[in-house]
Amino acid sequence: MKLPRRNFLHLAAGAVALPAISRIAWAETYPTRAVRWINGTAAGSAPDIVARIIGQWLSDRLGQPFVIENRPGAGTNIGTEAVARALPDGYSLLLVTQSNAINATLYEHLNFNFIHDIVPVASISRGSLVMELNPSVPVKTVPEFIDYAKANPGKLNMASAGKGTPQHVAGELFKMMAGVNMLHVPYRGSPFALTALIAGEVQVMFDTMPASIEHIKAGQIRPLAVTTTSRSELLPDLPTVGDFVPGYEASSWYGAGAPKNTPVEIINKLNKEINAGLDDPKMKARLADLGVAVIQTSPAGFGKFIVDETEKWGKVVQAANIKPD
C-alpha cells in the first residue's frame, strides 16, 4: 500500500477554521466537560488497561473525566469509524493501535481512511509479542525451531487471535523471513488461541506479553524469543527473534488520535499532558508491569511512525494474501 509519505505532517496539523485567538483561548480552557476516549477492543484487554491508566492521569491533570468507551468489533474498525465521524472539538479521542495500521490494507471497503481521517495526538507505549510453543515441540531455540519447521513443512499449526490480528501478521512475517511453512489457525481472540496452544491443538503462537506471561511462568508454554528489537524486562533472559532472523521486528503499540481538523492547540495540549504522564516514574512502572515500554513523540513523530507501520504491515498483508473473516 503506497502512502503519501511527504504529506504525513498534515496529520498533526489541520485546525478548524477559527481565528487564531479563538483557538488559543479554546485550548486554554479545554476541557470543560467529559472527554470520551473510544477503544476498539473489549474491556479488560491490554489496550483497554493502557487507555484507563492514561485516561486517569489526564482526568487528574485536566480536571475533567476522560471516559474510556469500549466499542469492540470488526477488528477495531467500529470504534475507529465512530471517532472519524465525530466532531473535531477535542471531546472524542481514539486509542490508536497496531490494528489500525494493519486494517488500512486488510479491509478494502472501509467507510473512513485511517491515515487521513484520524490525526495523531501522541504515542504511548510499545510492547513485545512472544514467540511461544507447546512444550511437546522438541526445540528450545529459534534456530532449532526453524530447522524443525523446514524438516516438517506444513505440519506445524500456528495459532492467532484471528485473521489480520497483530499476532497473525507477526507470524506471517516470521514465516516469510525465516522461510518456513506453517498452517495458520485463527481463533476468536487470544484467550481461545492460548487455550488451544496449551492443549496441544496447535504448536506455535506469537502473542502479546500481558496475555502470555502467567502461562509462561507456570510452564504451560515454552517461550523462544521476543519480537521487538530489544529484550523484555519481564523476560530478560529471552533473546529476540531478530538475533536469529536479522531485521525481524513486530510489536504491539498504543497511542492517542483524534478526528481530523481537531484544533492543533488542543492536539498539542493533549500531547504535552500525555508525555508528562509518561515521564512519571509511577506511570512507567505500571506500564512496565504490563510488559510495555513508554514511547514519547510529538504529534508529527507519531504520524510518521503510523505511516511507517501502515506501509510495513500492508506489505505483509498483501504478500500473505490475508483476507478478513
Protein backbone atom coordinates (compact mmCIF):
# COMPACT_ATOMS: atom_id res chain seq x y z
CA MET A 1 0.00 0.00 0.00
CA LYS A 2 1.64 3.23 -1.17
CA LEU A 3 1.07 6.14 1.18
CA PRO A 4 1.89 9.85 0.69
CA ARG A 5 4.93 9.92 2.99
CA ARG A 6 5.68 13.56 2.19
CA ASN A 7 2.22 14.56 3.38
CA PHE A 8 2.18 12.90 6.77
CA LEU A 9 2.87 16.17 8.57
CA HIS A 10 -0.63 17.34 7.75
CA LEU A 11 -1.89 14.60 10.05
CA ALA A 12 -0.58 16.52 13.04
CA ALA A 13 -1.96 19.90 11.97
CA GLY A 14 -5.29 20.80 10.37
CA ALA A 15 -7.02 23.09 12.85
CA VAL A 16 -10.64 24.05 12.36
CA ALA A 17 -11.32 27.32 10.58
CA LEU A 18 -11.43 29.60 13.61
CA PRO A 19 -9.45 32.76 14.31
CA ALA A 20 -6.12 32.01 15.97
CA ILE A 21 -7.03 33.88 19.16
CA SER A 22 -10.30 31.93 19.49
CA ARG A 23 -8.49 28.62 19.08
CA ILE A 24 -5.87 29.50 21.66
CA ALA A 25 -8.50 30.62 24.16
CA TRP A 26 -10.46 27.43 23.50
CA ALA A 27 -7.37 25.32 24.12
CA GLU A 28 -6.56 27.16 27.35
CA THR A 29 -9.94 26.27 28.85
CA TYR A 30 -10.13 22.77 27.31
CA PRO A 31 -11.62 20.52 28.53
CA THR A 32 -14.75 21.98 30.07
CA ARG A 33 -16.66 18.69 30.12
CA ALA A 34 -16.08 14.94 29.91
CA VAL A 35 -13.94 13.58 27.08
CA ARG A 36 -14.76 10.20 25.62
CA TRP A 37 -11.80 8.05 24.63
CA ILE A 38 -13.01 5.31 22.31
CA ASN A 39 -11.22 1.96 22.38
CA GLY A 40 -11.96 -0.57 19.65
CA THR A 41 -11.15 -3.54 21.88
CA ALA A 42 -13.03 -5.21 24.71
CA ALA A 43 -12.93 -4.13 28.34
CA GLY A 44 -10.11 -5.81 30.23
CA SER A 45 -7.87 -6.18 27.17
CA ALA A 46 -4.29 -4.89 27.23
CA PRO A 47 -5.18 -1.79 25.14
CA ASP A 48 -8.12 -1.10 27.45
CA ILE A 49 -5.91 -1.26 30.54
CA VAL A 50 -3.37 1.13 29.00
CA ALA A 51 -6.13 3.57 28.00
CA ARG A 52 -7.57 3.55 31.51
CA ILE A 53 -4.17 4.24 33.08
CA ILE A 54 -3.51 7.22 30.79
CA GLY A 55 -7.15 8.34 30.98
CA GLN A 56 -6.98 8.57 34.77
CA TRP A 57 -3.81 10.64 34.50
CA LEU A 58 -5.47 13.05 32.08
CA SER A 59 -8.57 13.27 34.28
CA ASP A 60 -6.45 14.21 37.28
CA ARG A 61 -4.33 16.71 35.34
CA LEU A 62 -7.06 18.43 33.35
CA GLY A 63 -9.92 18.31 35.84
CA GLN A 64 -12.50 16.60 33.64
CA PRO A 65 -13.30 12.88 33.23
CA PHE A 66 -11.64 11.03 30.36
CA VAL A 67 -14.17 8.23 29.94
CA ILE A 68 -12.98 5.04 28.25
CA GLU A 69 -15.71 3.86 25.89
CA ASN A 70 -15.25 0.31 24.56
CA ARG A 71 -16.56 -0.31 21.06
CA PRO A 72 -15.13 -3.67 20.01
CA GLY A 73 -15.91 -5.27 16.68
CA ALA A 74 -14.67 -5.55 13.08
CA GLY A 75 -11.05 -5.57 14.16
CA THR A 76 -11.34 -2.15 15.92
CA ASN A 77 -12.97 -0.57 12.83
CA ILE A 78 -16.28 0.18 14.59
CA GLY A 79 -14.59 2.34 17.20
CA THR A 80 -12.30 3.98 14.66
CA GLU A 81 -15.21 4.95 12.42
CA ALA A 82 -17.06 6.48 15.37
CA VAL A 83 -14.12 8.80 16.04
CA ALA A 84 -13.54 9.56 12.35
CA ARG A 85 -17.14 10.81 12.16
CA ALA A 86 -17.11 12.70 15.48
CA LEU A 87 -16.96 16.46 15.85
CA PRO A 88 -13.34 17.68 15.78
CA ASP A 89 -13.64 19.51 19.08
CA GLY A 90 -11.27 17.51 21.29
CA TYR A 91 -14.05 15.65 23.09
CA SER A 92 -13.74 12.42 21.08
CA LEU A 93 -10.42 10.59 21.06
CA LEU A 94 -9.32 7.23 19.67
CA LEU A 95 -7.00 4.69 21.23
CA VAL A 96 -4.81 4.06 18.18
CA THR A 97 -3.25 0.60 17.93
CA GLN A 98 -1.28 -1.57 15.54
CA SER A 99 -4.59 -2.97 14.29
CA ASN A 100 -5.39 0.41 12.71
CA ALA A 101 -2.18 0.23 10.67
CA ILE A 102 -2.95 -3.34 9.58
CA ASN A 103 -6.60 -2.68 8.77
CA ALA A 104 -5.74 0.11 6.33
CA THR A 105 -4.72 -2.62 3.86
CA LEU A 106 -6.61 -5.62 5.24
CA TYR A 107 -10.06 -4.10 4.64
CA GLU A 108 -10.75 -2.89 1.11
CA HIS A 109 -14.01 -1.02 1.71
CA LEU A 110 -13.86 0.93 4.95
CA ASN A 111 -16.11 3.94 5.49
CA PHE A 112 -13.10 6.01 6.55
CA ASN A 113 -9.46 6.48 5.65
CA PHE A 114 -7.45 5.98 8.81
CA ILE A 115 -4.38 7.90 7.62
CA HIS A 116 -6.40 10.95 6.58
CA ASP A 117 -9.40 10.91 8.94
CA ILE A 118 -7.57 10.42 12.25
CA VAL A 119 -4.96 12.95 13.38
CA PRO A 120 -2.16 11.63 15.64
CA VAL A 121 -2.03 13.10 19.13
CA ALA A 122 0.67 11.14 20.99
CA SER A 123 2.29 7.75 21.13
CA ILE A 124 2.01 5.96 24.46
CA SER A 125 3.77 2.63 24.56
CA ARG A 126 5.22 -0.26 22.63
CA GLY A 127 5.29 -3.87 23.80
CA SER A 128 6.72 -7.13 22.62
CA LEU A 129 4.99 -10.23 21.45
CA VAL A 130 6.41 -13.60 22.45
CA MET A 131 7.17 -16.46 20.09
CA GLU A 132 5.97 -19.42 22.13
CA LEU A 133 5.44 -23.15 21.74
CA ASN A 134 3.53 -26.03 23.20
CA PRO A 135 6.15 -27.88 25.30
CA SER A 136 5.69 -31.01 23.18
CA VAL A 137 7.60 -29.39 20.30
CA PRO A 138 11.17 -30.77 20.65
CA VAL A 139 13.08 -27.47 20.25
CA LYS A 140 14.32 -24.81 22.64
CA THR A 141 15.74 -22.09 20.39
CA VAL A 142 14.64 -20.16 17.33
CA PRO A 143 17.31 -21.75 15.08
CA GLU A 144 16.21 -25.21 16.24
CA PHE A 145 12.61 -24.28 15.53
CA ILE A 146 13.44 -23.10 12.00
CA ASP A 147 15.30 -26.33 11.28
CA TYR A 148 12.44 -28.38 12.71
CA ALA A 149 9.82 -26.46 10.71
CA LYS A 150 11.80 -26.90 7.50
CA ALA A 151 12.13 -30.63 8.19
CA ASN A 152 8.36 -30.84 8.78
CA PRO A 153 6.83 -28.47 6.19
CA GLY A 154 3.15 -27.77 6.73
CA LYS A 155 2.96 -29.96 9.83
CA LEU A 156 3.15 -27.16 12.38
CA ASN A 157 -0.01 -25.24 13.24
CA MET A 158 0.31 -21.56 14.14
CA ALA A 159 -2.47 -20.10 16.25
CA SER A 160 -3.56 -16.47 16.24
CA ALA A 161 -6.26 -14.26 17.75
CA GLY A 162 -7.89 -14.05 14.30
CA LYS A 163 -7.14 -13.24 10.69
CA GLY A 164 -5.27 -9.98 10.29
CA THR A 165 -4.63 -9.51 14.01
CA PRO A 166 -1.21 -8.36 15.20
CA GLN A 167 -0.49 -11.92 16.33
CA HIS A 168 -1.31 -13.24 12.87
CA VAL A 169 0.77 -10.77 10.86
CA ALA A 170 3.73 -11.19 13.25
CA GLY A 171 3.63 -14.91 12.49
CA GLU A 172 3.30 -14.35 8.76
CA LEU A 173 6.28 -12.00 8.79
CA PHE A 174 8.31 -14.70 10.57
CA LYS A 175 7.25 -17.32 8.03
CA MET A 176 8.39 -15.12 5.16
CA MET A 177 11.68 -14.03 6.67
CA ALA A 178 12.64 -17.45 8.09
CA GLY A 179 11.45 -19.35 5.02
CA VAL A 180 9.23 -21.80 6.90
CA ASN A 181 5.78 -23.19 6.16
CA MET A 182 3.21 -23.31 8.95
CA LEU A 183 -0.57 -23.66 8.80
CA HIS A 184 -2.37 -20.65 10.23
CA VAL A 185 -5.24 -21.49 12.58
CA PRO A 186 -7.27 -18.39 13.54
CA TYR A 187 -9.29 -18.25 16.77
CA ARG A 188 -11.86 -15.78 18.06
CA GLY A 189 -9.46 -13.97 20.33
CA SER A 190 -6.20 -14.56 22.15
CA PRO A 191 -7.66 -16.50 25.13
CA PHE A 192 -9.06 -19.18 22.83
CA ALA A 193 -5.81 -19.40 20.87
CA LEU A 194 -3.76 -19.72 24.06
CA THR A 195 -6.07 -22.44 25.35
CA ALA A 196 -5.53 -24.36 22.12
CA LEU A 197 -1.76 -23.87 22.37
CA ILE A 198 -1.66 -25.14 25.95
CA ALA A 199 -3.82 -28.13 24.98
CA GLY A 200 -1.51 -29.02 22.09
CA GLU A 201 -4.09 -28.45 19.37
CA VAL A 202 -1.61 -26.01 17.82
CA GLN A 203 2.15 -25.88 18.23
CA VAL A 204 3.24 -22.24 17.96
CA MET A 205 1.89 -18.76 18.53
CA PHE A 206 3.06 -15.16 18.56
CA ASP A 207 1.13 -13.46 21.35
CA THR A 208 1.25 -10.35 23.49
CA MET A 209 3.30 -10.33 26.66
CA PRO A 210 0.39 -9.49 29.01
CA ALA A 211 -1.66 -12.41 27.68
CA SER A 212 1.19 -14.92 27.84
CA ILE A 213 3.37 -14.07 30.81
CA GLU A 214 1.50 -16.02 33.50
CA HIS A 215 1.27 -19.13 31.31
CA ILE A 216 4.99 -18.87 30.63
CA LYS A 217 5.77 -18.58 34.34
CA ALA A 218 3.55 -21.61 35.02
CA GLY A 219 5.45 -23.68 32.46
CA GLN A 220 2.37 -24.26 30.33
CA ILE A 221 4.04 -22.83 27.22
CA ARG A 222 7.67 -22.52 26.20
CA PRO A 223 8.93 -19.08 25.11
CA LEU A 224 11.60 -18.93 22.44
CA ALA A 225 12.09 -15.21 21.85
CA VAL A 226 10.53 -11.77 21.98
CA THR A 227 9.63 -9.98 18.77
CA THR A 228 10.96 -6.49 19.50
CA THR A 229 14.49 -5.37 18.69
CA SER A 230 15.47 -5.34 22.37
CA ARG A 231 14.85 -7.79 25.19
CA SER A 232 11.92 -7.51 27.57
CA GLU A 233 12.36 -6.54 31.22
CA LEU A 234 9.75 -9.17 32.11
CA LEU A 235 11.76 -11.96 30.44
CA PRO A 236 15.31 -10.58 30.38
CA ASP A 237 16.96 -13.91 29.59
CA LEU A 238 14.90 -14.41 26.45
CA PRO A 239 16.62 -13.43 23.17
CA THR A 240 14.94 -11.53 20.36
CA VAL A 241 13.74 -13.16 17.14
CA GLY A 242 15.94 -10.66 15.33
CA ASP A 243 19.03 -12.22 16.95
CA PHE A 244 18.48 -15.16 14.61
CA VAL A 245 16.33 -13.69 11.81
CA PRO A 246 18.09 -10.39 11.02
CA GLY A 247 15.73 -7.47 10.52
CA TYR A 248 12.70 -9.14 12.10
CA GLU A 249 10.62 -6.88 14.35
CA ALA A 250 7.00 -6.89 15.47
CA SER A 251 5.42 -5.06 18.36
CA SER A 252 2.09 -4.10 19.80
CA TRP A 253 1.77 -0.36 20.29
CA TYR A 254 -0.74 2.18 21.51
CA GLY A 255 -1.31 5.89 21.12
CA ALA A 256 -3.96 8.58 21.04
CA GLY A 257 -5.69 10.03 17.99
CA ALA A 258 -8.49 12.48 17.25
CA PRO A 259 -10.76 13.38 14.32
CA LYS A 260 -9.09 15.35 11.54
CA ASN A 261 -9.44 19.13 11.86
CA THR A 262 -9.24 18.98 15.65
CA PRO A 263 -7.59 22.28 16.66
CA VAL A 264 -3.83 21.93 16.73
CA GLU A 265 -3.73 23.79 20.05
CA ILE A 266 -5.82 21.03 21.65
CA ILE A 267 -3.70 18.32 19.99
CA ASN A 268 -0.55 19.92 21.41
CA LYS A 269 -2.09 20.30 24.87
CA LEU A 270 -3.04 16.62 24.97
CA ASN A 271 0.38 15.61 23.67
CA LYS A 272 2.07 17.65 26.40
CA GLU A 273 -0.06 16.12 29.17
CA ILE A 274 0.30 12.55 27.92
CA ASN A 275 4.08 12.94 27.67
CA ALA A 276 4.12 14.35 31.20
CA GLY A 277 2.38 11.21 32.36
CA LEU A 278 4.87 9.01 30.54
CA ASP A 279 7.66 10.84 32.39
CA ASP A 280 6.13 9.95 35.74
CA PRO A 281 8.04 7.06 37.44
CA LYS A 282 4.85 5.51 38.82
CA MET A 283 3.25 5.57 35.39
CA LYS A 284 6.31 3.96 33.83
CA ALA A 285 6.27 1.24 36.48
CA ARG A 286 2.58 0.48 35.93
CA LEU A 287 3.11 0.17 32.19
CA ALA A 288 6.26 -1.90 32.68
CA ASP A 289 4.19 -4.37 34.70
CA LEU A 290 2.13 -4.88 31.53
CA GLY A 291 5.27 -5.62 29.54
CA VAL A 292 5.24 -2.35 27.60
CA ALA A 293 7.73 0.50 27.42
CA VAL A 294 6.73 4.15 27.14
CA ILE A 295 7.25 5.83 23.77
CA GLN A 296 7.16 9.64 23.74
CA THR A 297 6.82 11.58 20.50
CA SER A 298 5.41 14.77 19.07
CA PRO A 299 2.18 14.53 17.06
CA ALA A 300 4.26 14.70 13.88
CA GLY A 301 6.60 11.99 15.13
CA PHE A 302 3.68 9.71 15.92
CA GLY A 303 2.24 10.46 12.48
CA LYS A 304 5.43 9.33 10.77
CA PHE A 305 5.50 6.18 12.89
CA ILE A 306 1.92 5.39 11.87
CA VAL A 307 2.74 5.81 8.18
CA ASP A 308 5.81 3.56 8.51
CA GLU A 309 3.84 0.85 10.34
CA THR A 310 0.96 1.04 7.84
CA GLU A 311 3.35 0.54 4.95
CA LYS A 312 5.21 -2.30 6.68
CA TRP A 313 2.17 -4.35 7.63
CA GLY A 314 0.40 -3.53 4.37
CA LYS A 315 3.19 -5.34 2.54
CA VAL A 316 2.82 -8.37 4.83
CA VAL A 317 -0.95 -8.46 4.37
CA GLN A 318 -0.57 -8.34 0.60
CA ALA A 319 2.31 -10.84 0.39
CA ALA A 320 0.49 -13.36 2.60
CA ASN A 321 -2.84 -12.65 0.85
CA ILE A 322 -4.59 -12.18 4.17
CA LYS A 323 -8.34 -11.62 3.97
CA PRO A 324 -10.60 -10.62 6.88
CA ASP A 325 -13.24 -13.00 8.17
